[in-house]
Amino acid sequence: DTARALGLEPLAKIIMAQNTSDLTGTASRYISDNV
């Protein structure tokens, strides 16, 4: 619930789709004051 509130559910769905070649780069787009 805490992670969803931080807007991280799209990232979880991307990981589950298992079709990205640059996971670190994808994760960097979710960095914020709280992440």
PDB file of all heavy atoms in Angstrom:
ATOM      1  N   ASP A   1       0.836  -1.209   0.000  1.00  0.00           N
ATOM      2  CA  ASP A   1       0.000   0.000   0.000  1.00  0.00           C
ATOM      3  C   ASP A   1       0.864   1.250   0.000  1.00  0.00           C
ATOM      4  O   ASP A   1       0.585   2.231  -0.715  1.00  0.00           O
ATOM      5  CB  ASP A   1      -0.915   0.006   1.235  1.00  0.00           C
ATOM      6  CG  ASP A   1      -1.987  -1.062   1.172  1.00  0.00           C
ATOM      7  OD1 ASP A   1      -2.382  -1.437   0.049  1.00  0.00           O
ATOM      8  OD2 ASP A   1      -2.423  -1.522   2.243  1.00  0.00           O
ATOM      9  N   THR A   2       1.925   1.220   0.820  1.00  0.00           N
ATOM     10  CA  THR A   2       2.844   2.361   0.883  1.00  0.00           C
ATOM     11  C   THR A   2       3.499   2.595  -0.472  1.00  0.00           C
ATOM     12  O   THR A   2       3.614   3.739  -0.947  1.00  0.00           O
ATOM     13  CB  THR A   2       3.926   2.108   1.957  1.00  0.00           C
ATOM     14  OG1 THR A   2       3.292   1.887   3.213  1.00  0.00           O
ATOM     15  CG2 THR A   2       4.884   3.278   2.064  1.00  0.00           C
ATOM     16  N   ALA A   3       3.927   1.502  -1.121  1.00  0.00           N
ATOM     17  CA  ALA A   3       4.580   1.609  -2.436  1.00  0.00           C
ATOM     18  C   ALA A   3       3.610   2.143  -3.489  1.00  0.00           C
ATOM     19  O   ALA A   3       3.991   2.952  -4.345  1.00  0.00           O
ATOM     20  CB  ALA A   3       5.119   0.245  -2.849  1.00  0.00           C
ATOM     21  N   ARG A   4       2.373   1.704  -3.428  1.00  0.00           N
ATOM     22  CA  ARG A   4       1.364   2.211  -4.383  1.00  0.00           C
ATOM     23  C   ARG A   4       1.145   3.705  -4.186  1.00  0.00           C
ATOM     24  O   ARG A   4       1.007   4.463  -5.163  1.00  0.00           O
ATOM     25  CB  ARG A   4       0.047   1.461  -4.202  1.00  0.00           C
ATOM     26  CG  ARG A   4       0.060   0.032  -4.702  1.00  0.00           C
ATOM     27  CD  ARG A   4      -1.343  -0.570  -4.743  1.00  0.00           C
ATOM     28  NE  ARG A   4      -1.292  -1.988  -5.054  1.00  0.00           N
ATOM     29  CZ  ARG A   4      -1.279  -2.962  -4.155  1.00  0.00           C
ATOM     30  NH1 ARG A   4      -1.329  -2.658  -2.856  1.00  0.00           N
ATOM     31  NH2 ARG A   4      -1.207  -4.226  -4.516  1.00  0.00           N
ATOM     32  N   ALA A   5       1.105   4.119  -2.931  1.00  0.00           N
ATOM     33  CA  ALA A   5       0.906   5.542  -2.630  1.00  0.00           C
ATOM     34  C   ALA A   5       2.062   6.388  -3.170  1.00  0.00           C
ATOM     35  O   ALA A   5       1.889   7.578  -3.471  1.00  0.00           O
ATOM     36  CB  ALA A   5       0.773   5.737  -1.125  1.00  0.00           C
ATOM     37  N   LEU A   6       3.231   5.748  -3.307  1.00  0.00           N
ATOM     38  CA  LEU A   6       4.410   6.450  -3.859  1.00  0.00           C
ATOM     39  C   LEU A   6       4.450   6.383  -5.379  1.00  0.00           C
ATOM     40  O   LEU A   6       5.423   6.817  -6.010  1.00  0.00           O
ATOM     41  CB  LEU A   6       5.693   5.836  -3.278  1.00  0.00           C
ATOM     42  CG  LEU A   6       5.902   6.035  -1.763  1.00  0.00           C
ATOM     43  CD1 LEU A   6       7.087   5.219  -1.278  1.00  0.00           C
ATOM     44  CD2 LEU A   6       6.102   7.516  -1.436  1.00  0.00           C
ATOM     45  N   GLY A   7       3.411   5.776  -5.990  1.00  0.00           N
ATOM     46  CA  GLY A   7       3.311   5.717  -7.445  1.00  0.00           C
ATOM     47  C   GLY A   7       4.169   4.652  -8.091  1.00  0.00           C
ATOM     48  O   GLY A   7       4.550   4.780  -9.268  1.00  0.00           O
ATOM     49  N   LEU A   8       4.464   3.574  -7.364  1.00  0.00           N
ATOM     50  CA  LEU A   8       5.390   2.561  -7.874  1.00  0.00           C
ATOM     51  C   LEU A   8       4.693   1.347  -8.500  1.00  0.00           C
ATOM     52  O   LEU A   8       5.374   0.426  -8.961  1.00  0.00           O
ATOM     53  CB  LEU A   8       6.319   2.089  -6.745  1.00  0.00           C
ATOM     54  CG  LEU A   8       7.254   3.179  -6.181  1.00  0.00           C
ATOM     55  CD1 LEU A   8       7.997   2.660  -4.965  1.00  0.00           C
ATOM     56  CD2 LEU A   8       8.238   3.637  -7.261  1.00  0.00           C
ATOM     57  N   GLU A   9       3.353   1.339  -8.546  1.00  0.00           N
ATOM     58  CA  GLU A   9       2.668   0.185  -9.129  1.00  0.00           C
ATOM     59  C   GLU A   9       2.976   0.027 -10.630  1.00  0.00           C
ATOM     60  O   GLU A   9       3.176  -1.109 -11.102  1.00  0.00           O
ATOM     61  CB  GLU A   9       1.165   0.268  -8.901  1.00  0.00           C
ATOM     62  CG  GLU A   9       0.449  -1.016  -9.326  1.00  0.00           C
ATOM     63  CD  GLU A   9      -0.952  -1.120  -8.749  1.00  0.00           C
ATOM     64  OE1 GLU A   9      -1.563  -0.075  -8.428  1.00  0.00           O
ATOM     65  OE2 GLU A   9      -1.437  -2.256  -8.610  1.00  0.00           O
ATOM     66  N   PRO A  10       3.073   1.139 -11.427  1.00  0.00           N
ATOM     67  CA  PRO A  10       3.449   0.964 -12.850  1.00  0.00           C
ATOM     68  C   PRO A  10       4.801   0.274 -13.014  1.00  0.00           C
ATOM     69  O   PRO A  10       4.978  -0.548 -13.916  1.00  0.00           O
ATOM     70  CB  PRO A  10       3.478   2.397 -13.374  1.00  0.00           C
ATOM     71  CG  PRO A  10       2.520   3.140 -12.488  1.00  0.00           C
ATOM     72  CD  PRO A  10       2.706   2.534 -11.133  1.00  0.00           C
ATOM     73  N   LEU A  11       5.750   0.614 -12.141  1.00  0.00           N
ATOM     74  CA  LEU A  11       7.073  -0.032 -12.211  1.00  0.00           C
ATOM     75  C   LEU A  11       6.940  -1.525 -11.919  1.00  0.00           C
ATOM     76  O   LEU A  11       7.582  -2.357 -12.583  1.00  0.00           O
ATOM     77  CB  LEU A  11       8.036   0.622 -11.219  1.00  0.00           C
ATOM     78  CG  LEU A  11       9.444   0.003 -11.134  1.00  0.00           C
ATOM     79  CD1 LEU A  11      10.146   0.037 -12.499  1.00  0.00           C
ATOM     80  CD2 LEU A  11      10.287   0.739 -10.080  1.00  0.00           C
ATOM     81  N   ALA A  12       6.104  -1.880 -10.948  1.00  0.00           N
ATOM     82  CA  ALA A  12       5.889  -3.297 -10.620  1.00  0.00           C
ATOM     83  C   ALA A  12       5.307  -4.032 -11.828  1.00  0.00           C
ATOM     84  O   ALA A  12       5.705  -5.176 -12.122  1.00  0.00           O
ATOM     85  CB  ALA A  12       4.953  -3.427  -9.420  1.00  0.00           C
ATOM     86  N   LYS A  13       4.402  -3.379 -12.544  1.00  0.00           N
ATOM     87  CA  LYS A  13       3.796  -4.008 -13.730  1.00  0.00           C
ATOM     88  C   LYS A  13       4.815  -4.172 -14.847  1.00  0.00           C
ATOM     89  O   LYS A  13       4.806  -5.185 -15.564  1.00  0.00           O
ATOM     90  CB  LYS A  13       2.616  -3.173 -14.208  1.00  0.00           C
ATOM     91  CG  LYS A  13       1.406  -3.230 -13.271  1.00  0.00           C
ATOM     92  CD  LYS A  13       0.254  -2.364 -13.784  1.00  0.00           C
ATOM     93  CE  LYS A  13      -0.952  -2.474 -12.850  1.00  0.00           C
ATOM     94  NZ  LYS A  13      -2.062  -1.604 -13.286  1.00  0.00           N
ATOM     95  N   ILE A  14       5.714  -3.188 -14.978  1.00  0.00           N
ATOM     96  CA  ILE A  14       6.770  -3.284 -16.005  1.00  0.00           C
ATOM     97  C   ILE A  14       7.680  -4.470 -15.696  1.00  0.00           C
ATOM     98  O   ILE A  14       8.046  -5.250 -16.586  1.00  0.00           O
ATOM     99  CB  ILE A  14       7.580  -1.962 -16.061  1.00  0.00           C
ATOM    100  CG1 ILE A  14       6.712  -0.842 -16.659  1.00  0.00           C
ATOM    101  CG2 ILE A  14       8.861  -2.146 -16.881  1.00  0.00           C
ATOM    102  CD1 ILE A  14       7.326   0.545 -16.510  1.00  0.00           C
ATOM    103  N   ILE A  15       8.061  -4.600 -14.427  1.00  0.00           N
ATOM    104  CA  ILE A  15       8.924  -5.722 -14.028  1.00  0.00           C
ATOM    105  C   ILE A  15       8.222  -7.044 -14.314  1.00  0.00           C
ATOM    106  O   ILE A  15       8.826  -7.988 -14.845  1.00  0.00           O
ATOM    107  CB  ILE A  15       9.314  -5.614 -12.538  1.00  0.00           C
ATOM    108  CG1 ILE A  15      10.218  -4.397 -12.313  1.00  0.00           C
ATOM    109  CG2 ILE A  15      10.013  -6.892 -12.058  1.00  0.00           C
ATOM    110  CD1 ILE A  15      10.487  -4.083 -10.846  1.00  0.00           C
ATOM    111  N   MET A  16       6.940  -7.133 -13.976  1.00  0.00           N
ATOM    112  CA  MET A  16       6.193  -8.370 -14.192  1.00  0.00           C
ATOM    113  C   MET A  16       6.035  -8.686 -15.677  1.00  0.00           C
ATOM    114  O   MET A  16       5.942  -9.854 -16.075  1.00  0.00           O
ATOM    115  CB  MET A  16       4.810  -8.294 -13.534  1.00  0.00           C
ATOM    116  CG  MET A  16       4.850  -8.436 -12.018  1.00  0.00           C
ATOM    117  SD  MET A  16       5.671  -9.954 -11.471  1.00  0.00           S
ATOM    118  CE  MET A  16       4.620 -11.191 -12.213  1.00  0.00           C
ATOM    119  N   ALA A  17       6.017  -7.658 -16.519  1.00  0.00           N
ATOM    120  CA  ALA A  17       5.920  -7.880 -17.973  1.00  0.00           C
ATOM    121  C   ALA A  17       7.211  -8.499 -18.511  1.00  0.00           C
ATOM    122  O   ALA A  17       7.208  -9.177 -19.547  1.00  0.00           O
ATOM    123  CB  ALA A  17       5.624  -6.575 -18.695  1.00  0.00           C
ATOM    124  N   GLN A  18       8.330  -8.232 -17.820  1.00  0.00           N
ATOM    125  CA  GLN A  18       9.634  -8.871 -18.108  1.00  0.00           C
ATOM    126  C   GLN A  18      10.114  -8.643 -19.547  1.00  0.00           C
ATOM    127  O   GLN A  18      10.683  -9.521 -20.184  1.00  0.00           O
ATOM    128  CB  GLN A  18       9.545 -10.381 -17.813  1.00  0.00           C
ATOM    129  CG  GLN A  18       9.186 -10.695 -16.368  1.00  0.00           C
ATOM    130  CD  GLN A  18       8.879 -12.151 -16.129  1.00  0.00           C
ATOM    131  OE1 GLN A  18       9.694 -13.007 -16.465  1.00  0.00           O
ATOM    132  NE2 GLN A  18       7.722 -12.443 -15.542  1.00  0.00           N
ATOM    133  N   ASN A  19       9.901  -7.401 -20.032  1.00  0.00           N
ATOM    134  CA  ASN A  19      10.341  -7.140 -21.414  1.00  0.00           C
ATOM    135  C   ASN A  19      11.150  -5.850 -21.550  1.00  0.00           C
ATOM    136  O   ASN A  19      11.272  -5.294 -22.639  1.00  0.00           O
ATOM    137  CB  ASN A  19       9.133  -7.100 -22.357  1.00  0.00           C
ATOM    138  CG  ASN A  19       8.102  -6.069 -21.926  1.00  0.00           C
ATOM    139  OD1 ASN A  19       8.383  -5.247 -21.061  1.00  0.00           O
ATOM    140  ND2 ASN A  19       6.932  -6.118 -22.542  1.00  0.00           N
ATOM    141  N   THR A  20      11.681  -5.341 -20.441  1.00  0.00           N
ATOM    142  CA  THR A  20      12.529  -4.149 -20.529  1.00  0.00           C
ATOM    143  C   THR A  20      13.999  -4.568 -20.495  1.00  0.00           C
ATOM    144  O   THR A  20      14.374  -5.483 -19.780  1.00  0.00           O
ATOM    145  CB  THR A  20      12.225  -3.167 -19.378  1.00  0.00           C
ATOM    146  OG1 THR A  20      13.069  -2.027 -19.515  1.00  0.00           O
ATOM    147  CG2 THR A  20      12.490  -3.799 -18.016  1.00  0.00           C
ATOM    148  N   SER A  21      14.837  -3.840 -21.266  1.00  0.00           N
ATOM    149  CA  SER A  21      16.264  -4.184 -21.309  1.00  0.00           C
ATOM    150  C   SER A  21      17.091  -3.281 -20.401  1.00  0.00           C
ATOM    151  O   SER A  21      18.248  -3.555 -20.116  1.00  0.00           O
ATOM    152  CB  SER A  21      16.790  -4.065 -22.752  1.00  0.00           C
ATOM    153  OG  SER A  21      16.529  -2.755 -23.251  1.00  0.00           O
ATOM    154  N   ASP A  22      16.483  -2.172 -19.950  1.00  0.00           N
ATOM    155  CA  ASP A  22      17.205  -1.238 -19.084  1.00  0.00           C
ATOM    156  C   ASP A  22      16.360  -0.981 -17.833  1.00  0.00           C
ATOM    157  O   ASP A  22      15.674   0.038 -17.727  1.00  0.00           O
ATOM    158  CB  ASP A  22      17.469   0.068 -19.830  1.00  0.00           C
ATOM    159  CG  ASP A  22      18.276   1.063 -18.985  1.00  0.00           C
ATOM    160  OD1 ASP A  22      18.817   0.637 -17.942  1.00  0.00           O
ATOM    161  OD2 ASP A  22      18.320   2.249 -19.353  1.00  0.00           O
ATOM    162  N   LEU A  23      16.418  -1.912 -16.890  1.00  0.00           N
ATOM    163  CA  LEU A  23      15.575  -1.815 -15.698  1.00  0.00           C
ATOM    164  C   LEU A  23      16.008  -0.654 -14.810  1.00  0.00           C
ATOM    165  O   LEU A  23      15.171   0.053 -14.248  1.00  0.00           O
ATOM    166  CB  LEU A  23      15.628  -3.126 -14.909  1.00  0.00           C
ATOM    167  CG  LEU A  23      14.702  -3.214 -13.697  1.00  0.00           C
ATOM    168  CD1 LEU A  23      13.253  -2.976 -14.096  1.00  0.00           C
ATOM    169  CD2 LEU A  23      14.847  -4.571 -13.014  1.00  0.00           C
ATOM    170  N   THR A  24      17.343  -0.426 -14.704  1.00  0.00           N
ATOM    171  CA  THR A  24      17.838   0.671 -13.867  1.00  0.00           C
ATOM    172  C   THR A  24      17.348   2.005 -14.399  1.00  0.00           C
ATOM    173  O   THR A  24      16.893   2.874 -13.645  1.00  0.00           O
ATOM    174  CB  THR A  24      19.374   0.654 -13.805  1.00  0.00           C
ATOM    175  OG1 THR A  24      19.818  -0.617 -13.338  1.00  0.00           O
ATOM    176  CG2 THR A  24      19.894   1.755 -12.877  1.00  0.00           C
ATOM    177  N   GLY A  25      17.431   2.154 -15.725  1.00  0.00           N
ATOM    178  CA  GLY A  25      16.962   3.389 -16.335  1.00  0.00           C
ATOM    179  C   GLY A  25      15.469   3.583 -16.134  1.00  0.00           C
ATOM    180  O   GLY A  25      15.007   4.694 -15.863  1.00  0.00           O
ATOM    181  N   THR A  26      14.735   2.489 -16.257  1.00  0.00           N
ATOM    182  CA  THR A  26      13.282   2.562 -16.051  1.00  0.00           C
ATOM    183  C   THR A  26      12.977   2.950 -14.610  1.00  0.00           C
ATOM    184  O   THR A  26      12.117   3.805 -14.348  1.00  0.00           O
ATOM    185  CB  THR A  26      12.633   1.201 -16.359  1.00  0.00           C
ATOM    186  OG1 THR A  26      12.947   0.828 -17.702  1.00  0.00           O
ATOM    187  CG2 THR A  26      11.121   1.274 -16.186  1.00  0.00           C
ATOM    188  N   ALA A  27      13.705   2.362 -13.672  1.00  0.00           N
ATOM    189  CA  ALA A  27      13.470   2.647 -12.254  1.00  0.00           C
ATOM    190  C   ALA A  27      13.803   4.091 -11.914  1.00  0.00           C
ATOM    191  O   ALA A  27      13.165   4.701 -11.045  1.00  0.00           O
ATOM    192  CB  ALA A  27      14.300   1.698 -11.393  1.00  0.00           C
ATOM    193  N   SER A  28      14.811   4.675 -12.622  1.00  0.00           N
ATOM    194  CA  SER A  28      15.231   6.052 -12.326  1.00  0.00           C
ATOM    195  C   SER A  28      14.116   7.054 -12.594  1.00  0.00           C
ATOM    196  O   SER A  28      14.091   8.140 -12.007  1.00  0.00           O
ATOM    197  CB  SER A  28      16.479   6.406 -13.145  1.00  0.00           C
ATOM    198  OG  SER A  28      16.160   6.460 -14.531  1.00  0.00           O
ATOM    199  N   ARG A  29      13.177   6.686 -13.445  1.00  0.00           N
ATOM    200  CA  ARG A  29      12.071   7.595 -13.766  1.00  0.00           C
ATOM    201  C   ARG A  29      11.088   7.728 -12.600  1.00  0.00           C
ATOM    202  O   ARG A  29      10.227   8.601 -12.597  1.00  0.00           O
ATOM    203  CB  ARG A  29      11.324   7.109 -15.013  1.00  0.00           C
ATOM    204  CG  ARG A  29      12.178   7.102 -16.277  1.00  0.00           C
ATOM    205  CD  ARG A  29      11.323   7.163 -17.526  1.00  0.00           C
ATOM    206  NE  ARG A  29      10.458   5.998 -17.679  1.00  0.00           N
ATOM    207  CZ  ARG A  29      10.800   4.878 -18.314  1.00  0.00           C
ATOM    208  NH1 ARG A  29      12.006   4.793 -18.865  1.00  0.00           N
ATOM    209  NH2 ARG A  29       9.968   3.870 -18.400  1.00  0.00           N
ATOM    210  N   TYR A  30      11.224   6.855 -11.599  1.00  0.00           N
ATOM    211  CA  TYR A  30      10.295   6.873 -10.468  1.00  0.00           C
ATOM    212  C   TYR A  30      10.916   7.489  -9.213  1.00  0.00           C
ATOM    213  O   TYR A  30      10.320   7.461  -8.140  1.00  0.00           O
ATOM    214  CB  TYR A  30       9.819   5.446 -10.162  1.00  0.00           C
ATOM    215  CG  TYR A  30       8.947   4.899 -11.274  1.00  0.00           C
ATOM    216  CD1 TYR A  30       9.509   4.249 -12.363  1.00  0.00           C
ATOM    217  CD2 TYR A  30       7.568   5.083 -11.246  1.00  0.00           C
ATOM    218  CE1 TYR A  30       8.718   3.766 -13.393  1.00  0.00           C
ATOM    219  CE2 TYR A  30       6.764   4.611 -12.281  1.00  0.00           C
ATOM    220  CZ  TYR A  30       7.344   3.943 -13.348  1.00  0.00           C
ATOM    221  OH  TYR A  30       6.550   3.478 -14.368  1.00  0.00           O
ATOM    222  N   ILE A  31      12.140   8.071  -9.395  1.00  0.00           N
ATOM    223  CA  ILE A  31      12.787   8.729  -8.271  1.00  0.00           C
ATOM    224  C   ILE A  31      12.065  10.042  -7.958  1.00  0.00           C
ATOM    225  O   ILE A  31      11.676  10.783  -8.858  1.00  0.00           O
ATOM    226  CB  ILE A  31      14.284   8.989  -8.576  1.00  0.00           C
ATOM    227  CG1 ILE A  31      15.043   7.648  -8.662  1.00  0.00           C
ATOM    228  CG2 ILE A  31      14.911   9.887  -7.515  1.00  0.00           C
ATOM    229  CD1 ILE A  31      16.494   7.800  -9.076  1.00  0.00           C
ATOM    230  N   SER A  32      11.880  10.289  -6.650  1.00  0.00           N
ATOM    231  CA  SER A  32      11.210  11.515  -6.198  1.00  0.00           C
ATOM    232  C   SER A  32      11.718  11.841  -4.806  1.00  0.00           C
ATOM    233  O   SER A  32      12.631  11.179  -4.291  1.00  0.00           O
ATOM    234  CB  SER A  32       9.692  11.302  -6.163  1.00  0.00           C
ATOM    235  OG  SER A  32       9.364  10.329  -5.172  1.00  0.00           O
ATOM    236  N   ASP A  33      11.109  12.858  -4.184  1.00  0.00           N
ATOM    237  CA  ASP A  33      11.527  13.220  -2.820  1.00  0.00           C
ATOM    238  C   ASP A  33      11.328  12.055  -1.852  1.00  0.00           C
ATOM    239  O   ASP A  33      12.119  11.875  -0.920  1.00  0.00           O
ATOM    240  CB  ASP A  33      10.714  14.425  -2.328  1.00  0.00           C
ATOM    241  CG  ASP A  33      11.090  15.696  -3.081  1.00  0.00           C
ATOM    242  OD1 ASP A  33      12.158  15.702  -3.735  1.00  0.00           O
ATOM    243  OD2 ASP A  33      10.302  16.660  -3.028  1.00  0.00           O
ATOM    244  N   ASN A  34      10.281  11.295  -2.099  1.00  0.00           N
ATOM    245  CA  ASN A  34       9.974  10.170  -1.207  1.00  0.00           C
ATOM    246  C   ASN A  34      10.595   8.855  -1.671  1.00  0.00           C
ATOM    247  O   ASN A  34      10.550   7.852  -0.955  1.00  0.00           O
ATOM    248  CB  ASN A  34       8.463   9.991  -1.076  1.00  0.00           C
ATOM    249  CG  ASN A  34       7.816  11.169  -0.378  1.00  0.00           C
ATOM    250  OD1 ASN A  34       8.331  11.646   0.618  1.00  0.00           O
ATOM    251  ND2 ASN A  34       6.706  11.658  -0.931  1.00  0.00           N
ATOM    252  N   VAL A  35      11.111   8.827  -2.897  1.00  0.00           N
ATOM    253  CA  VAL A  35      11.793   7.644  -3.437  1.00  0.00           C
ATOM    254  C   VAL A  35      13.173   8.115  -3.899  1.00  0.00           C
ATOM    255  O   VAL A  35      13.371   8.455  -5.075  1.00  0.00           O
ATOM    256  CB  VAL A  35      11.007   7.016  -4.611  1.00  0.00           C
ATOM    257  CG1 VAL A  35      11.689   5.721  -5.071  1.00  0.00           C
ATOM    258  CG2 VAL A  35       9.560   6.758  -4.231  1.00  0.00           C
TER     259      VAL A  35
END
